[in-house]
Amino acid sequence: MEDKNVVLKSVLKSALILALIALFLGAVAFVSFDWAFSALVHSKKEVKVPDITKQSVYTALDTLESANLAIKKAGEEYQPDLPAGSIIRQLPQAGTVVREGKVIRIWISQGTESIAVPDVSGMTIRNAELAIRQVSLTVGQKNTAFSDTVDRGNVVSQTPSAGSFAAKGHAVNLIISNGKSPSANKTMPDFTQKKLSEVNRWAADSDITVQTSEDEESDFPGGTVIRQSPQPGTEVMPKSSIQVTVSGRASEGLDKTIHYELPQGKDSNRVRITVQDGAGEKELMNEMKQPGSKIDLDVPYGGNSETVRVYVDGILVREKEIK
């Protein structure tokens, strides 16, 4: 029995010695690693962080590389005073002394926030102003013009146009209807994207002369009005003249037309027609139409298959592919 106790004590003693040796070696290894790592870190040179704010990210990369520093994007923010891709701020700040290899965190400008301009044509002044301010735009100039189609006090037209993009806080200018003209003068309609024959009919009925010029570079079918003077809503006196520019593109048998008839009802509707091709989307029409109105609209020549979409009060009601 005593022999077993002696053997057990001897084994425990040996195990204890081995544990102490392992602990000692681990401590030596840790101290050696810590010393080596500390020596490696402190062997790096100290450098002063350069100022990379207001620089583009690409320029900042070159600047930091020359100082043996790294870069990391920490976030993005809208900043109207700096172009998109420029650096708003950095951490550590410029002038801070750091070791080579330090990571500099940056916040990048997204530029000015762009906002889709709402469609306020046909609205009352109050509702139009509310719609504009709700999207962080401002109301600009408010001028008036006679209109045969828009009630007095409602918006005839706007600049920028509906659906375009403007910077946050940008002003939207409005033309407000004065109602129908009390004089014998005529109110200039909007003839853009309509046929020259329609202009000639209106001018003949109004005792007005039409002066025509052609734009042979236009993509619209020949005879389509692409510009006019004066602008829609302007009073035009009998015996006076107006100017229109029409597409001079030669007919190639490829002109395309979209037909749509609005259903009957009590209220007028906003009709928006777009065409999508390989070059993107173009807006062909965006205006108020009376119930039952018939729409015959020429689609610009694109040479490839195109998709025409008709929206009524923002709802897609028709989609057609034209080849």
C-alpha atoms as a PDB file:
ATOM      1  CA  MET A   1       0.000   0.000   0.000  1.00  0.00           C
ATOM      2  CA  GLU A   2       2.854   2.343   0.876  1.00  0.00           C
ATOM      3  CA  ASP A   3       4.457   1.583  -2.514  1.00  0.00           C
ATOM      4  CA  LYS A   4       1.301   2.671  -4.304  1.00  0.00           C
ATOM      5  CA  ASN A   5       1.204   5.957  -2.360  1.00  0.00           C
ATOM      6  CA  VAL A   6       4.843   6.618  -3.187  1.00  0.00           C
ATOM      7  CA  VAL A   7       4.216   5.988  -6.895  1.00  0.00           C
ATOM      8  CA  LEU A   8       1.112   8.221  -6.869  1.00  0.00           C
ATOM      9  CA  LYS A   9       3.010  11.060  -5.178  1.00  0.00           C
ATOM     10  CA  SER A  10       5.826  10.690  -7.690  1.00  0.00           C
ATOM     11  CA  VAL A  11       3.363  10.887 -10.647  1.00  0.00           C
ATOM     12  CA  LEU A  12       1.607  13.952  -9.217  1.00  0.00           C
ATOM     13  CA  LYS A  13       4.954  15.624  -8.585  1.00  0.00           C
ATOM     14  CA  SER A  14       6.076  14.978 -12.152  1.00  0.00           C
ATOM     15  CA  ALA A  15       2.748  16.263 -13.544  1.00  0.00           C
ATOM     16  CA  LEU A  16       3.051  19.415 -11.445  1.00  0.00           C
ATOM     17  CA  ILE A  17       6.579  19.988 -12.678  1.00  0.00           C
ATOM     18  CA  LEU A  18       5.489  19.512 -16.289  1.00  0.00           C
ATOM     19  CA  ALA A  19       2.581  21.953 -15.796  1.00  0.00           C
ATOM     20  CA  LEU A  20       4.911  24.563 -14.328  1.00  0.00           C
ATOM     21  CA  ILE A  21       7.327  24.099 -17.219  1.00  0.00           C
ATOM     22  CA  ALA A  22       4.478  24.474 -19.765  1.00  0.00           C
ATOM     23  CA  LEU A  23       3.206  27.574 -17.989  1.00  0.00           C
ATOM     24  CA  PHE A  24       6.689  29.044 -17.968  1.00  0.00           C
ATOM     25  CA  LEU A  25       7.206  28.343 -21.657  1.00  0.00           C
ATOM     26  CA  GLY A  26       3.770  29.844 -22.493  1.00  0.00           C
ATOM     27  CA  ALA A  27       4.616  32.992 -20.569  1.00  0.00           C
ATOM     28  CA  VAL A  28       7.938  33.240 -22.358  1.00  0.00           C
ATOM     29  CA  ALA A  29       6.211  32.779 -25.736  1.00  0.00           C
ATOM     30  CA  PHE A  30       3.564  35.413 -24.923  1.00  0.00           C
ATOM     31  CA  VAL A  31       6.167  37.919 -23.769  1.00  0.00           C
ATOM     32  CA  SER A  32       8.260  37.213 -26.839  1.00  0.00           C
ATOM     33  CA  PHE A  33       5.277  37.651 -29.189  1.00  0.00           C
ATOM     34  CA  ASP A  34       4.158  40.808 -27.402  1.00  0.00           C
ATOM     35  CA  TRP A  35       7.650  42.186 -27.577  1.00  0.00           C
ATOM     36  CA  ALA A  36       8.009  41.290 -31.252  1.00  0.00           C
ATOM     37  CA  PHE A  37       4.601  42.720 -32.146  1.00  0.00           C
ATOM     38  CA  SER A  38       5.266  45.876 -30.131  1.00  0.00           C
ATOM     39  CA  ALA A  39       8.632  46.228 -31.791  1.00  0.00           C
ATOM     40  CA  LEU A  40       7.017  45.759 -35.203  1.00  0.00           C
ATOM     41  CA  VAL A  41       4.338  48.370 -34.533  1.00  0.00           C
ATOM     42  CA  HIS A  42       6.702  50.874 -33.044  1.00  0.00           C
ATOM     43  CA  SER A  43       9.143  50.342 -35.867  1.00  0.00           C
ATOM     44  CA  LYS A  44       6.589  51.996 -38.207  1.00  0.00           C
ATOM     45  CA  LYS A  45       7.128  55.666 -38.837  1.00  0.00           C
ATOM     46  CA  GLU A  46       4.904  58.308 -37.435  1.00  0.00           C
ATOM     47  CA  VAL A  47       3.155  60.408 -40.084  1.00  0.00           C
ATOM     48  CA  LYS A  48       0.851  63.376 -40.009  1.00  0.00           C
ATOM     49  CA  VAL A  49      -2.633  62.735 -41.460  1.00  0.00           C
ATOM     50  CA  PRO A  50      -3.114  64.912 -44.566  1.00  0.00           C
ATOM     51  CA  ASP A  51      -6.285  66.909 -45.203  1.00  0.00           C
ATOM     52  CA  ILE A  52      -8.323  64.989 -47.795  1.00  0.00           C
ATOM     53  CA  THR A  53     -11.659  66.775 -47.280  1.00  0.00           C
ATOM     54  CA  LYS A  54     -13.180  68.271 -50.443  1.00  0.00           C
ATOM     55  CA  GLN A  55     -11.009  65.942 -52.538  1.00  0.00           C
ATOM     56  CA  SER A  56     -12.439  63.248 -54.760  1.00  0.00           C
ATOM     57  CA  VAL A  57     -12.075  59.703 -53.468  1.00  0.00           C
ATOM     58  CA  TYR A  58      -9.577  58.896 -56.231  1.00  0.00           C
ATOM     59  CA  THR A  59      -7.386  61.894 -55.372  1.00  0.00           C
ATOM     60  CA  ALA A  60      -7.624  61.040 -51.670  1.00  0.00           C
ATOM     61  CA  LEU A  61      -6.454  57.474 -52.363  1.00  0.00           C
ATOM     62  CA  ASP A  62      -3.303  58.820 -54.019  1.00  0.00           C
ATOM     63  CA  THR A  63      -2.756  61.313 -51.196  1.00  0.00           C
ATOM     64  CA  LEU A  64      -3.037  58.684 -48.469  1.00  0.00           C
ATOM     65  CA  GLU A  65      -0.996  56.111 -50.393  1.00  0.00           C
ATOM     66  CA  SER A  66       1.935  58.501 -50.523  1.00  0.00           C
ATOM     67  CA  ALA A  67       1.726  58.727 -46.709  1.00  0.00           C
ATOM     68  CA  ASN A  68       1.387  54.918 -46.327  1.00  0.00           C
ATOM     69  CA  LEU A  69      -2.108  55.274 -44.882  1.00  0.00           C
ATOM     70  CA  ALA A  70      -5.266  53.316 -45.722  1.00  0.00           C
ATOM     71  CA  ILE A  71      -8.818  54.480 -46.414  1.00  0.00           C
ATOM     72  CA  LYS A  72     -12.262  53.150 -45.526  1.00  0.00           C
ATOM     73  CA  LYS A  73     -15.721  54.526 -46.382  1.00  0.00           C
ATOM     74  CA  ALA A  74     -17.720  55.145 -43.212  1.00  0.00           C
ATOM     75  CA  GLY A  75     -20.868  56.547 -44.845  1.00  0.00           C
ATOM     76  CA  GLU A  76     -22.533  58.757 -47.445  1.00  0.00           C
ATOM     77  CA  GLU A  77     -24.517  61.974 -47.012  1.00  0.00           C
ATOM     78  CA  TYR A  78     -26.252  64.547 -49.203  1.00  0.00           C
ATOM     79  CA  GLN A  79     -24.091  67.658 -49.326  1.00  0.00           C
ATOM     80  CA  PRO A  80     -25.190  70.388 -51.787  1.00  0.00           C
ATOM     81  CA  ASP A  81     -21.936  72.316 -51.324  1.00  0.00           C
ATOM     82  CA  LEU A  82     -19.740  69.424 -52.526  1.00  0.00           C
ATOM     83  CA  PRO A  83     -19.907  67.457 -55.785  1.00  0.00           C
ATOM     84  CA  ALA A  84     -20.899  63.814 -55.549  1.00  0.00           C
ATOM     85  CA  GLY A  85     -17.882  61.628 -54.785  1.00  0.00           C
ATOM     86  CA  SER A  86     -16.080  64.297 -52.744  1.00  0.00           C
ATOM     87  CA  ILE A  87     -15.058  63.740 -49.136  1.00  0.00           C
ATOM     88  CA  ILE A  88     -17.118  65.610 -46.537  1.00  0.00           C
ATOM     89  CA  ARG A  89     -15.068  64.741 -43.430  1.00  0.00           C
ATOM     90  CA  GLN A  90     -12.416  62.320 -42.171  1.00  0.00           C
ATOM     91  CA  LEU A  91     -11.399  60.578 -38.976  1.00  0.00           C
ATOM     92  CA  PRO A  92      -8.698  60.972 -37.660  1.00  0.00           C
ATOM     93  CA  GLN A  93      -8.731  64.631 -38.587  1.00  0.00           C
ATOM     94  CA  ALA A  94      -6.057  66.331 -40.644  1.00  0.00           C
ATOM     95  CA  GLY A  95      -2.894  67.063 -38.669  1.00  0.00           C
ATOM     96  CA  THR A  96      -3.260  64.074 -36.308  1.00  0.00           C
ATOM     97  CA  VAL A  97       0.002  62.108 -35.872  1.00  0.00           C
ATOM     98  CA  VAL A  98      -0.481  58.364 -36.462  1.00  0.00           C
ATOM     99  CA  ARG A  99       1.606  55.319 -37.382  1.00  0.00           C
ATOM    100  CA  GLU A 100       1.936  54.232 -40.988  1.00  0.00           C
ATOM    101  CA  GLY A 101      -0.819  51.814 -42.035  1.00  0.00           C
ATOM    102  CA  LYS A 102      -3.499  53.637 -40.026  1.00  0.00           C
ATOM    103  CA  VAL A 103      -6.994  53.426 -41.570  1.00  0.00           C
ATOM    104  CA  ILE A 104      -8.569  56.809 -42.266  1.00  0.00           C
ATOM    105  CA  ARG A 105     -12.385  56.694 -42.223  1.00  0.00           C
ATOM    106  CA  ILE A 106     -14.189  59.003 -44.643  1.00  0.00           C
ATOM    107  CA  TRP A 107     -17.741  60.219 -45.317  1.00  0.00           C
ATOM    108  CA  ILE A 108     -18.549  60.777 -49.005  1.00  0.00           C
ATOM    109  CA  SER A 109     -20.839  63.415 -50.530  1.00  0.00           C
ATOM    110  CA  GLN A 110     -23.832  62.304 -52.583  1.00  0.00           C
ATOM    111  CA  GLY A 111     -24.126  65.820 -53.967  1.00  0.00           C
ATOM    112  CA  THR A 112     -27.458  67.610 -54.088  1.00  0.00           C
ATOM    113  CA  GLU A 113     -30.553  65.551 -53.403  1.00  0.00           C
ATOM    114  CA  SER A 114     -32.659  65.291 -56.569  1.00  0.00           C
ATOM    115  CA  ILE A 115     -36.443  65.370 -56.267  1.00  0.00           C
ATOM    116  CA  ALA A 116     -39.083  64.455 -58.828  1.00  0.00           C
ATOM    117  CA  VAL A 117     -41.173  67.532 -59.611  1.00  0.00           C
ATOM    118  CA  PRO A 118     -44.864  66.831 -58.894  1.00  0.00           C
ATOM    119  CA  ASP A 119     -47.553  67.459 -61.493  1.00  0.00           C
ATOM    120  CA  VAL A 120     -49.627  70.411 -60.268  1.00  0.00           C
ATOM    121  CA  SER A 121     -51.257  71.486 -63.533  1.00  0.00           C
ATOM    122  CA  GLY A 122     -55.022  71.850 -63.150  1.00  0.00           C
ATOM    123  CA  MET A 123     -54.740  72.216 -59.346  1.00  0.00           C
ATOM    124  CA  THR A 124     -55.864  75.229 -57.344  1.00  0.00           C
ATOM    125  CA  ILE A 125     -53.066  77.541 -56.238  1.00  0.00           C
ATOM    126  CA  ARG A 126     -53.334  76.342 -52.624  1.00  0.00           C
ATOM    127  CA  ASN A 127     -53.197  72.646 -53.502  1.00  0.00           C
ATOM    128  CA  ALA A 128     -50.336  73.230 -55.934  1.00  0.00           C
ATOM    129  CA  GLU A 129     -48.298  75.065 -53.303  1.00  0.00           C
ATOM    130  CA  LEU A 130     -48.914  72.279 -50.764  1.00  0.00           C
ATOM    131  CA  ALA A 131     -47.888  69.583 -53.270  1.00  0.00           C
ATOM    132  CA  ILE A 132     -44.685  71.455 -54.126  1.00  0.00           C
ATOM    133  CA  ARG A 133     -43.663  72.112 -50.519  1.00  0.00           C
ATOM    134  CA  GLN A 134     -44.438  68.559 -49.408  1.00  0.00           C
ATOM    135  CA  VAL A 135     -41.539  67.290 -51.547  1.00  0.00           C
ATOM    136  CA  SER A 136     -39.092  69.937 -50.236  1.00  0.00           C
ATOM    137  CA  LEU A 137     -39.316  72.220 -53.274  1.00  0.00           C
ATOM    138  CA  THR A 138     -40.326  75.883 -53.156  1.00  0.00           C
ATOM    139  CA  VAL A 139     -42.897  77.941 -55.020  1.00  0.00           C
ATOM    140  CA  GLY A 140     -41.283  80.443 -57.365  1.00  0.00           C
ATOM    141  CA  GLN A 141     -42.876  83.062 -59.587  1.00  0.00           C
ATOM    142  CA  LYS A 142     -46.643  83.021 -60.089  1.00  0.00           C
ATOM    143  CA  ASN A 143     -47.730  84.652 -63.325  1.00  0.00           C
ATOM    144  CA  THR A 144     -51.147  84.658 -64.941  1.00  0.00           C
ATOM    145  CA  ALA A 145     -52.499  83.926 -68.403  1.00  0.00           C
ATOM    146  CA  PHE A 146     -55.893  83.454 -70.002  1.00  0.00           C
ATOM    147  CA  SER A 147     -56.941  79.889 -70.687  1.00  0.00           C
ATOM    148  CA  ASP A 148     -59.894  78.411 -72.550  1.00  0.00           C
ATOM    149  CA  THR A 149     -59.496  75.038 -70.835  1.00  0.00           C
ATOM    150  CA  VAL A 150     -58.329  75.686 -67.246  1.00  0.00           C
ATOM    151  CA  ASP A 151     -60.632  77.269 -64.655  1.00  0.00           C
ATOM    152  CA  ARG A 152     -59.740  80.637 -63.196  1.00  0.00           C
ATOM    153  CA  GLY A 153     -57.337  80.322 -60.242  1.00  0.00           C
ATOM    154  CA  ASN A 154     -55.991  76.929 -61.290  1.00  0.00           C
ATOM    155  CA  VAL A 155     -52.527  76.103 -62.606  1.00  0.00           C
ATOM    156  CA  VAL A 156     -52.143  76.240 -66.396  1.00  0.00           C
ATOM    157  CA  SER A 157     -48.502  75.164 -66.577  1.00  0.00           C
ATOM    158  CA  GLN A 158     -45.333  74.846 -64.507  1.00  0.00           C
ATOM    159  CA  THR A 159     -41.564  75.098 -64.832  1.00  0.00           C
ATOM    160  CA  PRO A 160     -39.749  72.706 -64.331  1.00  0.00           C
ATOM    161  CA  SER A 161     -42.162  70.295 -65.964  1.00  0.00           C
ATOM    162  CA  ALA A 162     -43.834  67.458 -64.083  1.00  0.00           C
ATOM    163  CA  GLY A 163     -41.718  64.323 -63.788  1.00  0.00           C
ATOM    164  CA  SER A 164     -38.401  66.105 -64.276  1.00  0.00           C
ATOM    165  CA  PHE A 165     -35.839  66.235 -61.452  1.00  0.00           C
ATOM    166  CA  ALA A 166     -34.751  69.301 -59.501  1.00  0.00           C
ATOM    167  CA  ALA A 167     -32.434  69.956 -56.568  1.00  0.00           C
ATOM    168  CA  LYS A 168     -33.941  70.073 -53.095  1.00  0.00           C
ATOM    169  CA  GLY A 169     -35.260  73.591 -52.454  1.00  0.00           C
ATOM    170  CA  HIS A 170     -35.463  74.441 -56.169  1.00  0.00           C
ATOM    171  CA  ALA A 171     -38.244  76.852 -57.164  1.00  0.00           C
ATOM    172  CA  VAL A 172     -41.194  75.747 -59.284  1.00  0.00           C
ATOM    173  CA  ASN A 173     -42.694  78.612 -61.300  1.00  0.00           C
ATOM    174  CA  LEU A 174     -46.427  78.583 -61.993  1.00  0.00           C
ATOM    175  CA  ILE A 175     -48.763  80.049 -64.611  1.00  0.00           C
ATOM    176  CA  ILE A 176     -52.204  80.631 -63.107  1.00  0.00           C
ATOM    177  CA  SER A 177     -55.361  80.796 -65.210  1.00  0.00           C
ATOM    178  CA  ASN A 178     -57.293  84.049 -65.467  1.00  0.00           C
ATOM    179  CA  GLY A 179     -60.115  82.142 -67.112  1.00  0.00           C
ATOM    180  CA  LYS A 180     -61.251  82.753 -70.656  1.00  0.00           C
ATOM    181  CA  SER A 181     -60.173  85.970 -72.317  1.00  0.00           C
ATOM    182  CA  PRO A 182     -62.917  88.636 -72.196  1.00  0.00           C
ATOM    183  CA  SER A 183     -61.636  90.225 -75.383  1.00  0.00           C
ATOM    184  CA  ALA A 184     -61.817  89.083 -78.973  1.00  0.00           C
ATOM    185  CA  ASN A 185     -58.238  87.842 -78.644  1.00  0.00           C
ATOM    186  CA  LYS A 186     -57.580  84.125 -78.847  1.00  0.00           C
ATOM    187  CA  THR A 187     -55.671  82.048 -76.313  1.00  0.00           C
ATOM    188  CA  MET A 188     -52.774  80.165 -77.866  1.00  0.00           C
ATOM    189  CA  PRO A 189     -53.302  76.384 -77.459  1.00  0.00           C
ATOM    190  CA  ASP A 190     -50.506  73.880 -76.916  1.00  0.00           C
ATOM    191  CA  PHE A 191     -49.801  72.445 -80.367  1.00  0.00           C
ATOM    192  CA  THR A 192     -46.606  70.544 -79.525  1.00  0.00           C
ATOM    193  CA  GLN A 193     -46.631  66.964 -80.837  1.00  0.00           C
ATOM    194  CA  LYS A 194     -49.760  67.692 -82.845  1.00  0.00           C
ATOM    195  CA  LYS A 195     -50.115  67.812 -86.620  1.00  0.00           C
ATOM    196  CA  LEU A 196     -49.611  71.028 -88.580  1.00  0.00           C
ATOM    197  CA  SER A 197     -53.086  70.574 -90.058  1.00  0.00           C
ATOM    198  CA  GLU A 198     -54.551  71.121 -86.568  1.00  0.00           C
ATOM    199  CA  VAL A 199     -52.646  74.405 -86.241  1.00  0.00           C
ATOM    200  CA  ASN A 200     -53.864  75.551 -89.646  1.00  0.00           C
ATOM    201  CA  ARG A 201     -57.493  74.786 -88.804  1.00  0.00           C
ATOM    202  CA  TRP A 202     -57.343  76.753 -85.548  1.00  0.00           C
ATOM    203  CA  ALA A 203     -55.532  79.661 -87.199  1.00  0.00           C
ATOM    204  CA  ALA A 204     -58.077  79.836 -90.053  1.00  0.00           C
ATOM    205  CA  ASP A 205     -60.989  79.898 -87.585  1.00  0.00           C
ATOM    206  CA  SER A 206     -59.227  82.598 -85.525  1.00  0.00           C
ATOM    207  CA  ASP A 207     -58.156  84.801 -88.459  1.00  0.00           C
ATOM    208  CA  ILE A 208     -54.490  84.258 -87.622  1.00  0.00           C
ATOM    209  CA  THR A 209     -51.549  83.610 -89.962  1.00  0.00           C
ATOM    210  CA  VAL A 210     -49.191  80.655 -89.479  1.00  0.00           C
ATOM    211  CA  GLN A 211     -45.489  80.953 -90.297  1.00  0.00           C
ATOM    212  CA  THR A 212     -43.855  77.521 -90.582  1.00  0.00           C
ATOM    213  CA  SER A 213     -40.261  76.304 -90.446  1.00  0.00           C
ATOM    214  CA  GLU A 214     -38.881  72.745 -90.532  1.00  0.00           C
ATOM    215  CA  ASP A 215     -36.403  70.816 -88.416  1.00  0.00           C
ATOM    216  CA  GLU A 216     -35.031  67.984 -90.547  1.00  0.00           C
ATOM    217  CA  GLU A 217     -33.127  66.507 -87.589  1.00  0.00           C
ATOM    218  CA  SER A 218     -36.278  65.774 -85.579  1.00  0.00           C
ATOM    219  CA  ASP A 219     -37.163  62.174 -84.727  1.00  0.00           C
ATOM    220  CA  PHE A 220     -40.891  62.925 -84.860  1.00  0.00           C
ATOM    221  CA  PRO A 221     -42.927  62.063 -87.962  1.00  0.00           C
ATOM    222  CA  GLY A 222     -42.990  64.701 -90.687  1.00  0.00           C
ATOM    223  CA  GLY A 223     -45.467  67.517 -90.097  1.00  0.00           C
ATOM    224  CA  THR A 224     -45.488  67.127 -86.285  1.00  0.00           C
ATOM    225  CA  VAL A 225     -45.203  70.391 -84.337  1.00  0.00           C
ATOM    226  CA  ILE A 226     -42.119  70.403 -82.113  1.00  0.00           C
ATOM    227  CA  ARG A 227     -41.913  74.111 -81.158  1.00  0.00           C
ATOM    228  CA  GLN A 228     -44.276  77.065 -81.181  1.00  0.00           C
ATOM    229  CA  SER A 229     -44.306  80.789 -80.500  1.00  0.00           C
ATOM    230  CA  PRO A 230     -45.991  82.300 -78.580  1.00  0.00           C
ATOM    231  CA  GLN A 231     -46.225  79.808 -75.749  1.00  0.00           C
ATOM    232  CA  PRO A 232     -49.511  78.130 -74.728  1.00  0.00           C
ATOM    233  CA  GLY A 233     -51.829  80.399 -72.745  1.00  0.00           C
ATOM    234  CA  THR A 234     -50.628  83.584 -74.469  1.00  0.00           C
ATOM    235  CA  GLU A 235     -53.256  85.923 -75.948  1.00  0.00           C
ATOM    236  CA  VAL A 236     -53.061  86.209 -79.719  1.00  0.00           C
ATOM    237  CA  MET A 237     -54.805  89.030 -81.578  1.00  0.00           C
ATOM    238  CA  PRO A 238     -56.772  88.411 -84.776  1.00  0.00           C
ATOM    239  CA  LYS A 239     -54.841  89.372 -87.937  1.00  0.00           C
ATOM    240  CA  SER A 240     -51.556  88.586 -86.146  1.00  0.00           C
ATOM    241  CA  SER A 241     -49.224  85.670 -86.891  1.00  0.00           C
ATOM    242  CA  ILE A 242     -47.765  82.760 -84.975  1.00  0.00           C
ATOM    243  CA  GLN A 243     -44.659  80.665 -85.639  1.00  0.00           C
ATOM    244  CA  VAL A 244     -44.427  76.884 -85.492  1.00  0.00           C
ATOM    245  CA  THR A 245     -41.526  74.533 -86.183  1.00  0.00           C
ATOM    246  CA  VAL A 246     -42.476  71.123 -87.515  1.00  0.00           C
ATOM    247  CA  SER A 247     -40.528  67.954 -88.083  1.00  0.00           C
ATOM    248  CA  GLY A 248     -39.110  67.860 -91.582  1.00  0.00           C
ATOM    249  CA  ARG A 249     -38.256  64.163 -91.486  1.00  0.00           C
ATOM    250  CA  ALA A 250     -39.181  62.465 -94.744  1.00  0.00           C
ATOM    251  CA  SER A 251     -41.935  59.891 -94.464  1.00  0.00           C
ATOM    252  CA  GLU A 252     -40.537  56.352 -94.589  1.00  0.00           C
ATOM    253  CA  GLY A 253     -43.724  54.396 -94.088  1.00  0.00           C
ATOM    254  CA  LEU A 254     -42.651  53.662 -90.525  1.00  0.00           C
ATOM    255  CA  ASP A 255     -44.630  56.309 -88.655  1.00  0.00           C
ATOM    256  CA  LYS A 256     -46.502  54.879 -85.706  1.00  0.00           C
ATOM    257  CA  THR A 257     -49.657  56.116 -84.036  1.00  0.00           C
ATOM    258  CA  ILE A 258     -51.204  55.289 -80.659  1.00  0.00           C
ATOM    259  CA  HIS A 259     -54.974  55.474 -80.331  1.00  0.00           C
ATOM    260  CA  TYR A 260     -56.832  55.738 -77.013  1.00  0.00           C
ATOM    261  CA  GLU A 261     -60.289  56.930 -75.984  1.00  0.00           C
ATOM    262  CA  LEU A 262     -61.008  58.062 -72.426  1.00  0.00           C
ATOM    263  CA  PRO A 263     -64.109  56.561 -70.814  1.00  0.00           C
ATOM    264  CA  GLN A 264     -67.109  58.762 -70.111  1.00  0.00           C
ATOM    265  CA  GLY A 265     -67.380  60.310 -66.660  1.00  0.00           C
ATOM    266  CA  LYS A 266     -67.804  63.496 -64.682  1.00  0.00           C
ATOM    267  CA  ASP A 267     -64.220  64.550 -64.063  1.00  0.00           C
ATOM    268  CA  SER A 268     -61.336  65.314 -66.380  1.00  0.00           C
ATOM    269  CA  ASN A 269     -58.313  62.993 -66.224  1.00  0.00           C
ATOM    270  CA  ARG A 270     -54.586  63.443 -66.483  1.00  0.00           C
ATOM    271  CA  VAL A 271     -53.262  61.435 -69.408  1.00  0.00           C
ATOM    272  CA  ARG A 272     -49.572  60.607 -69.613  1.00  0.00           C
ATOM    273  CA  ILE A 273     -48.144  58.693 -72.572  1.00  0.00           C
ATOM    274  CA  THR A 274     -44.553  57.450 -72.732  1.00  0.00           C
ATOM    275  CA  VAL A 275     -42.499  55.489 -75.251  1.00  0.00           C
ATOM    276  CA  GLN A 276     -39.638  53.193 -74.194  1.00  0.00           C
ATOM    277  CA  ASP A 277     -36.895  52.010 -76.533  1.00  0.00           C
ATOM    278  CA  GLY A 278     -33.227  51.140 -76.341  1.00  0.00           C
ATOM    279  CA  ALA A 279     -32.328  54.781 -75.677  1.00  0.00           C
ATOM    280  CA  GLY A 280     -34.620  55.072 -72.654  1.00  0.00           C
ATOM    281  CA  GLU A 281     -38.046  56.510 -71.939  1.00  0.00           C
ATOM    282  CA  LYS A 282     -39.537  59.630 -73.561  1.00  0.00           C
ATOM    283  CA  GLU A 283     -42.696  61.423 -72.487  1.00  0.00           C
ATOM    284  CA  LEU A 284     -45.028  62.124 -75.412  1.00  0.00           C
ATOM    285  CA  MET A 285     -47.994  63.603 -73.551  1.00  0.00           C
ATOM    286  CA  ASN A 286     -48.811  64.812 -70.052  1.00  0.00           C
ATOM    287  CA  GLU A 287     -52.004  66.856 -69.919  1.00  0.00           C
ATOM    288  CA  MET A 288     -55.584  67.015 -68.657  1.00  0.00           C
ATOM    289  CA  LYS A 289     -58.249  65.535 -70.940  1.00  0.00           C
ATOM    290  CA  GLN A 290     -62.029  65.651 -70.803  1.00  0.00           C
ATOM    291  CA  PRO A 291     -64.067  62.414 -70.427  1.00  0.00           C
ATOM    292  CA  GLY A 292     -64.595  60.729 -73.771  1.00  0.00           C
ATOM    293  CA  SER A 293     -61.652  62.478 -75.423  1.00  0.00           C
ATOM    294  CA  LYS A 294     -60.067  60.619 -78.329  1.00  0.00           C
ATOM    295  CA  ILE A 295     -56.284  60.591 -78.502  1.00  0.00           C
ATOM    296  CA  ASP A 296     -54.390  59.940 -81.735  1.00  0.00           C
ATOM    297  CA  LEU A 297     -50.717  60.504 -81.066  1.00  0.00           C
ATOM    298  CA  ASP A 298     -47.763  59.979 -83.373  1.00  0.00           C
ATOM    299  CA  VAL A 299     -44.878  58.034 -81.865  1.00  0.00           C
ATOM    300  CA  PRO A 300     -41.380  59.343 -82.704  1.00  0.00           C
ATOM    301  CA  TYR A 301     -39.448  57.216 -85.159  1.00  0.00           C
ATOM    302  CA  GLY A 302     -36.871  55.125 -83.358  1.00  0.00           C
ATOM    303  CA  GLY A 303     -35.991  52.421 -85.852  1.00  0.00           C
ATOM    304  CA  ASN A 304     -36.366  49.619 -83.267  1.00  0.00           C
ATOM    305  CA  SER A 305     -39.210  48.015 -81.356  1.00  0.00           C
ATOM    306  CA  GLU A 306     -40.753  50.377 -78.832  1.00  0.00           C
ATOM    307  CA  THR A 307     -43.171  50.011 -75.938  1.00  0.00           C
ATOM    308  CA  VAL A 308     -45.874  52.660 -75.604  1.00  0.00           C
ATOM    309  CA  ARG A 309     -47.588  53.051 -72.224  1.00  0.00           C
ATOM    310  CA  VAL A 310     -50.733  55.057 -71.469  1.00  0.00           C
ATOM    311  CA  TYR A 311     -51.358  56.225 -67.896  1.00  0.00           C
ATOM    312  CA  VAL A 312     -54.627  57.776 -66.694  1.00  0.00           C
ATOM    313  CA  ASP A 313     -54.337  59.555 -63.338  1.00  0.00           C
ATOM    314  CA  GLY A 314     -51.100  57.648 -62.706  1.00  0.00           C
ATOM    315  CA  ILE A 315     -52.568  54.194 -63.468  1.00  0.00           C
ATOM    316  CA  LEU A 316     -51.239  52.161 -66.399  1.00  0.00           C
ATOM    317  CA  VAL A 317     -54.261  51.456 -68.610  1.00  0.00           C
ATOM    318  CA  ARG A 318     -52.599  50.358 -71.817  1.00  0.00           C
ATOM    319  CA  GLU A 319     -49.259  48.971 -72.939  1.00  0.00           C
ATOM    320  CA  LYS A 320     -48.455  48.202 -76.549  1.00  0.00           C
ATOM    321  CA  GLU A 321     -45.294  47.103 -78.306  1.00  0.00           C
ATOM    322  CA  ILE A 322     -44.746  48.697 -81.689  1.00  0.00           C
ATOM    323  CA  LYS A 323     -42.221  47.326 -84.169  1.00  0.00           C
END
